Amino acid sequence: MLRISPPWTIGKIDRLLVEADLLIADLVYVEVVRGAKTNAEANLLRAKFNSFEQVSVCGIVIAEKAVEHHQYLRSKGITIRGTVDLMIATWCIENNVPLLHADRDFAGFEEHLGMKSWALGVER
């Protein structure tokens, strides 16, 4: 697992954008772009994301696996707070694609379900 520790410099993030083949999932797109503070910032994000391969993470097959993952993690005492995180993590697991994130909520997927990730300075 590649870890990029704080400080999260623009250079470190730019290195990932150049050195890694990145894709953007539809649900990730929504999560990130809706967090933009201005229309200009949202448009900049849209332009950047349009250069990535785009995938849809939600379909009935992934939805059913997500339910299984949720139940399994719950049996381990881990509560998944967000459906969107559950869907994204499940798609990554099922497609063997590492997730670039800065969210400790994905730890259960990594530890118990083998999700690969590039965790940006996530403290456990």
C-alpha atoms as a PDB file:
ATOM      1  CA  MET A   1       0.000   0.000   0.000  1.00  0.00           C
ATOM      2  CA  LEU A   2       1.379   3.382  -1.002  1.00  0.00           C
ATOM      3  CA  ARG A   3       1.099   5.940   1.785  1.00  0.00           C
ATOM      4  CA  ILE A   4       1.645   9.613   1.277  1.00  0.00           C
ATOM      5  CA  SER A   5       1.969  11.248   4.665  1.00  0.00           C
ATOM      6  CA  PRO A   6       1.189  14.831   5.607  1.00  0.00           C
ATOM      7  CA  PRO A   7       1.924  17.453   4.710  1.00  0.00           C
ATOM      8  CA  TRP A   8      -0.083  16.699   1.594  1.00  0.00           C
ATOM      9  CA  THR A   9       1.773  18.915  -0.756  1.00  0.00           C
ATOM     10  CA  ILE A  10       0.479  19.684  -4.194  1.00  0.00           C
ATOM     11  CA  GLY A  11       3.683  18.088  -5.474  1.00  0.00           C
ATOM     12  CA  LYS A  12       2.870  14.758  -3.811  1.00  0.00           C
ATOM     13  CA  ILE A  13      -0.635  14.705  -5.222  1.00  0.00           C
ATOM     14  CA  ASP A  14       0.585  15.834  -8.642  1.00  0.00           C
ATOM     15  CA  ARG A  15       3.127  12.985  -8.607  1.00  0.00           C
ATOM     16  CA  LEU A  16       0.275  10.494  -8.210  1.00  0.00           C
ATOM     17  CA  LEU A  17      -1.665  12.150 -11.002  1.00  0.00           C
ATOM     18  CA  VAL A  18       1.316  11.783 -13.328  1.00  0.00           C
ATOM     19  CA  GLU A  19       2.760   8.428 -12.232  1.00  0.00           C
ATOM     20  CA  ALA A  20      -0.399   6.406 -11.667  1.00  0.00           C
ATOM     21  CA  ASP A  21      -3.189   5.388 -14.011  1.00  0.00           C
ATOM     22  CA  LEU A  22      -6.157   6.915 -12.239  1.00  0.00           C
ATOM     23  CA  LEU A  23      -9.826   6.511 -12.894  1.00  0.00           C
ATOM     24  CA  ILE A  24     -12.803   8.303 -11.443  1.00  0.00           C
ATOM     25  CA  ALA A  25     -15.896   6.491 -10.263  1.00  0.00           C
ATOM     26  CA  ASP A  26     -19.254   8.147 -10.689  1.00  0.00           C
ATOM     27  CA  LEU A  27     -19.953   8.194  -6.950  1.00  0.00           C
ATOM     28  CA  VAL A  28     -16.484   9.569  -6.188  1.00  0.00           C
ATOM     29  CA  TYR A  29     -17.065  12.272  -8.792  1.00  0.00           C
ATOM     30  CA  VAL A  30     -20.263  13.335  -7.025  1.00  0.00           C
ATOM     31  CA  GLU A  31     -18.635  13.249  -3.576  1.00  0.00           C
ATOM     32  CA  VAL A  32     -15.697  15.417  -4.644  1.00  0.00           C
ATOM     33  CA  VAL A  33     -17.387  17.900  -6.991  1.00  0.00           C
ATOM     34  CA  ARG A  34     -20.289  18.561  -4.613  1.00  0.00           C
ATOM     35  CA  GLY A  35     -17.712  19.595  -2.019  1.00  0.00           C
ATOM     36  CA  ALA A  36     -16.442  22.446  -4.188  1.00  0.00           C
ATOM     37  CA  LYS A  37     -16.895  25.819  -2.531  1.00  0.00           C
ATOM     38  CA  THR A  38     -17.375  27.795  -5.757  1.00  0.00           C
ATOM     39  CA  ASN A  39     -18.566  27.175  -9.302  1.00  0.00           C
ATOM     40  CA  ALA A  40     -15.058  27.914 -10.528  1.00  0.00           C
ATOM     41  CA  GLU A  41     -13.619  25.244  -8.232  1.00  0.00           C
ATOM     42  CA  ALA A  42     -16.289  22.758  -9.341  1.00  0.00           C
ATOM     43  CA  ASN A  43     -15.500  23.482 -12.997  1.00  0.00           C
ATOM     44  CA  LEU A  44     -11.778  22.961 -12.365  1.00  0.00           C
ATOM     45  CA  LEU A  45     -12.525  19.587 -10.750  1.00  0.00           C
ATOM     46  CA  ARG A  46     -14.801  18.605 -13.636  1.00  0.00           C
ATOM     47  CA  ALA A  47     -12.085  19.457 -16.150  1.00  0.00           C
ATOM     48  CA  LYS A  48      -9.482  17.417 -14.241  1.00  0.00           C
ATOM     49  CA  PHE A  49     -11.809  14.437 -13.819  1.00  0.00           C
ATOM     50  CA  ASN A  50     -12.746  14.466 -17.503  1.00  0.00           C
ATOM     51  CA  SER A  51      -9.155  13.471 -18.266  1.00  0.00           C
ATOM     52  CA  PHE A  52      -9.535  10.247 -16.224  1.00  0.00           C
ATOM     53  CA  GLU A  53     -11.107   6.993 -17.276  1.00  0.00           C
ATOM     54  CA  GLN A  54     -14.646   7.041 -15.895  1.00  0.00           C
ATOM     55  CA  VAL A  55     -16.475   4.060 -14.402  1.00  0.00           C
ATOM     56  CA  SER A  56     -19.851   3.415 -12.856  1.00  0.00           C
ATOM     57  CA  VAL A  57     -19.642   1.575  -9.538  1.00  0.00           C
ATOM     58  CA  CYS A  58     -23.278   0.812  -8.874  1.00  0.00           C
ATOM     59  CA  GLY A  59     -25.123  -2.076 -10.401  1.00  0.00           C
ATOM     60  CA  ILE A  60     -27.032  -4.994  -8.923  1.00  0.00           C
ATOM     61  CA  VAL A  61     -23.987  -7.287  -8.792  1.00  0.00           C
ATOM     62  CA  ILE A  62     -21.911  -4.740  -6.862  1.00  0.00           C
ATOM     63  CA  ALA A  63     -24.956  -3.834  -4.751  1.00  0.00           C
ATOM     64  CA  GLU A  64     -25.372  -7.453  -3.639  1.00  0.00           C
ATOM     65  CA  LYS A  65     -21.641  -7.785  -2.855  1.00  0.00           C
ATOM     66  CA  ALA A  66     -21.871  -4.523  -0.894  1.00  0.00           C
ATOM     67  CA  VAL A  67     -24.642  -6.010   1.236  1.00  0.00           C
ATOM     68  CA  GLU A  68     -22.444  -9.062   1.881  1.00  0.00           C
ATOM     69  CA  HIS A  69     -19.481  -6.846   2.783  1.00  0.00           C
ATOM     70  CA  HIS A  70     -21.635  -4.759   5.115  1.00  0.00           C
ATOM     71  CA  GLN A  71     -22.949  -7.842   6.901  1.00  0.00           C
ATOM     72  CA  TYR A  72     -19.474  -9.373   7.174  1.00  0.00           C
ATOM     73  CA  LEU A  73     -17.915  -6.199   8.572  1.00  0.00           C
ATOM     74  CA  ARG A  74     -20.825  -5.762  10.972  1.00  0.00           C
ATOM     75  CA  SER A  75     -20.151  -9.306  12.241  1.00  0.00           C
ATOM     76  CA  LYS A  76     -16.609  -8.079  13.013  1.00  0.00           C
ATOM     77  CA  GLY A  77     -17.983  -5.116  14.970  1.00  0.00           C
ATOM     78  CA  ILE A  78     -17.304  -2.592  12.207  1.00  0.00           C
ATOM     79  CA  THR A  79     -20.055  -0.181  11.240  1.00  0.00           C
ATOM     80  CA  ILE A  80     -19.938   1.312   7.771  1.00  0.00           C
ATOM     81  CA  ARG A  81     -21.478   4.761   8.101  1.00  0.00           C
ATOM     82  CA  GLY A  82     -22.000   5.623   4.459  1.00  0.00           C
ATOM     83  CA  THR A  83     -23.620   3.706   1.633  1.00  0.00           C
ATOM     84  CA  VAL A  84     -21.487   5.565  -0.902  1.00  0.00           C
ATOM     85  CA  ASP A  85     -18.275   4.444   0.859  1.00  0.00           C
ATOM     86  CA  LEU A  86     -19.618   0.890   0.939  1.00  0.00           C
ATOM     87  CA  MET A  87     -20.329   0.923  -2.793  1.00  0.00           C
ATOM     88  CA  ILE A  88     -16.973   2.481  -3.708  1.00  0.00           C
ATOM     89  CA  ALA A  89     -14.984   0.062  -1.541  1.00  0.00           C
ATOM     90  CA  THR A  90     -16.912  -2.937  -2.862  1.00  0.00           C
ATOM     91  CA  TRP A  91     -16.301  -1.933  -6.477  1.00  0.00           C
ATOM     92  CA  CYS A  92     -12.584  -1.528  -5.737  1.00  0.00           C
ATOM     93  CA  ILE A  93     -12.400  -4.940  -4.057  1.00  0.00           C
ATOM     94  CA  GLU A  94     -14.311  -6.708  -6.813  1.00  0.00           C
ATOM     95  CA  ASN A  95     -12.240  -5.083  -9.567  1.00  0.00           C
ATOM     96  CA  ASN A  96      -8.895  -5.293  -7.735  1.00  0.00           C
ATOM     97  CA  VAL A  97      -8.404  -1.522  -8.053  1.00  0.00           C
ATOM     98  CA  PRO A  98      -6.638   0.396  -5.256  1.00  0.00           C
ATOM     99  CA  LEU A  99      -8.581   3.287  -3.760  1.00  0.00           C
ATOM    100  CA  LEU A 100      -6.887   6.656  -3.335  1.00  0.00           C
ATOM    101  CA  HIS A 101      -8.381   8.106  -0.163  1.00  0.00           C
ATOM    102  CA  ALA A 102      -7.845  10.058   3.029  1.00  0.00           C
ATOM    103  CA  ASP A 103     -10.549   8.392   5.105  1.00  0.00           C
ATOM    104  CA  ARG A 104      -9.982   6.009   8.005  1.00  0.00           C
ATOM    105  CA  ASP A 105     -13.484   4.600   7.428  1.00  0.00           C
ATOM    106  CA  PHE A 106     -11.977   2.366   4.740  1.00  0.00           C
ATOM    107  CA  ALA A 107      -9.715   0.575   7.250  1.00  0.00           C
ATOM    108  CA  GLY A 108     -12.171  -2.289   7.765  1.00  0.00           C
ATOM    109  CA  PHE A 109     -12.289  -2.974   4.043  1.00  0.00           C
ATOM    110  CA  GLU A 110      -8.501  -3.023   3.916  1.00  0.00           C
ATOM    111  CA  GLU A 111      -8.026  -5.178   7.005  1.00  0.00           C
ATOM    112  CA  HIS A 112     -10.852  -7.684   6.604  1.00  0.00           C
ATOM    113  CA  LEU A 113     -11.711  -7.718   2.909  1.00  0.00           C
ATOM    114  CA  GLY A 114      -8.320  -7.144   1.303  1.00  0.00           C
ATOM    115  CA  MET A 115      -9.065  -3.816  -0.337  1.00  0.00           C
ATOM    116  CA  LYS A 116      -5.923  -2.223  -1.690  1.00  0.00           C
ATOM    117  CA  SER A 117      -5.449   1.480  -1.213  1.00  0.00           C
ATOM    118  CA  TRP A 118      -3.256   4.510  -1.476  1.00  0.00           C
ATOM    119  CA  ALA A 119      -4.021   6.152   1.851  1.00  0.00           C
ATOM    120  CA  LEU A 120      -3.072   9.821   1.976  1.00  0.00           C
ATOM    121  CA  GLY A 121      -1.809  10.336   5.510  1.00  0.00           C
ATOM    122  CA  VAL A 122      -4.566   8.375   7.207  1.00  0.00           C
ATOM    123  CA  GLU A 123      -3.907   7.799  10.882  1.00  0.00           C
ATOM    124  CA  ARG A 124      -5.302   4.586  12.323  1.00  0.00           C
END
